Structures are given as C-alpha cells and as structure tokens.
Amino acid sequence: MASGPEFDHLFKLLLIGDSGVGKSSLLLRFTSDTFDDLSPTIGVDFKLKLMTLRGKKLKLTVWDTAGQERFRTLTSSYYRGAQGIILVYDVTRRDTFTNLSDIWLKEVEMHSTNQDCIKMLVGNKVDKDQERVVTKQEGIAFARQYGCLFLECSAKTRLNVEKCFEELVLKILDTPSLLRDTTSTRKNILHTGLQSENSQESSSCC
C-alpha cells in the first residue's frame, strides 16, 4: 500500500427527515444498488462509498439518522463536521414535507458546525405518482426559500438516486471552505462512527 491517502477528499454526508420517508432505502440504493423495505433505523447507521468526480477520488461517509423523535438527542452529535445534508420527504405524505421546515431545518440550524454546509432537498417515492400529495413545484419553491439544491427521486426504481449524491458532492467541491482538512479529518469522522453501538449493525428505512 502507498503511504499517501487513497482518496483526495473525505466528505461526511447526513440523511435526515421523518421516519418512513426512505432515507435508508436511498442509502442502500446509492451504496450497493439494492432495494429493500427496511425497518426503521435505530439510532444511526453509516455506509462508505468511493466515487470519482472531476478527476478527484472521493470517499463518502453517508450517515443515516433515525427519524423518530426519541432518537434525536442521540443523533444531534452526528451533524458535527458534515459538509452535506440531505433532507428527505415522501411525496405521498404531506406531513413529512411540512416537518422539514417545522423540525428538521431547525435541527440543522442548531447542530450543524459548517456554516457553508450544502443542503439538498429530496422528494422520494415518485414511483407512487398516483398517490402524490406534494407537487414538484412546491419542492422547488421550498428549496429556493431555504437555499437548498432540489431533486425528486425513487429509491425503488433508482430514478435520480445517484444524481442526488453527485450534485450534492459537486456543490461541496465548488465550496472552498468545505474542502479544508477533508483528508486529515478521516480519523475523527470514523471514530465518531465507532462510538455508536448501532452504527454498522442497524438497518433501516426511515
């Protein structure tokens, strides 16, 4: 093995949103291209993904947080150091959309340590278009209001899943303040993961 790092940057990404919106399914589809109906995440789970963009080798640690209220104090520390946060809602459940501004963006404001952290709004489950209650236009308007990137996707059909993560990472690469120390912080990020008893054992759907 060469003594230098095997990647140019290590990025920490966080998936947040209500239980059942498909955060874990998105993570599973992105990291292993599989889909399962998963049980709700207990605490925090994370997976690693290697990708190359713009000639840079990137290592992503993607954190999947529990949506249930009783786990929120447990997951608050996982916002620390995140360069990107994906806010996920279910296009067939309006409450999961309204809770983004009522609950989740307030959590980001309270716990995020990177002022320039990139936010991506993701409307999941567009494969259930006949059950849709949140329009694409509403998603676009929300993203504009709160300064988020925006995409709709389906973890089930793979639609736009890869694109969600790629667009988020490209925006991080365009933000110089987020690139500082992204090779030297890998021990800290992985150490945080190992502190969670659930970090690699729990599997998920929320």
Foldseek 3Di string as FASTA:
>chain_A
DDPDDPFLFEAEEEEAFAAQLFQLLLVCCQAPNDGDQFAAWDAKAWDWHWDADPNGIYIYIYMYGGRDPVNLVSCLQVLELHQEYEYEGEQLDVVRVVCCVVPVVVSCVVRHPDPNRAYEYEHEDCVVVVSGDHDPVNQVVVCVVVVHHYDYAYSVVGGCSNVRVVVNVVVCVVDVVSRPCRVVCPVVNVVVLVVDPRHHPTHHTD
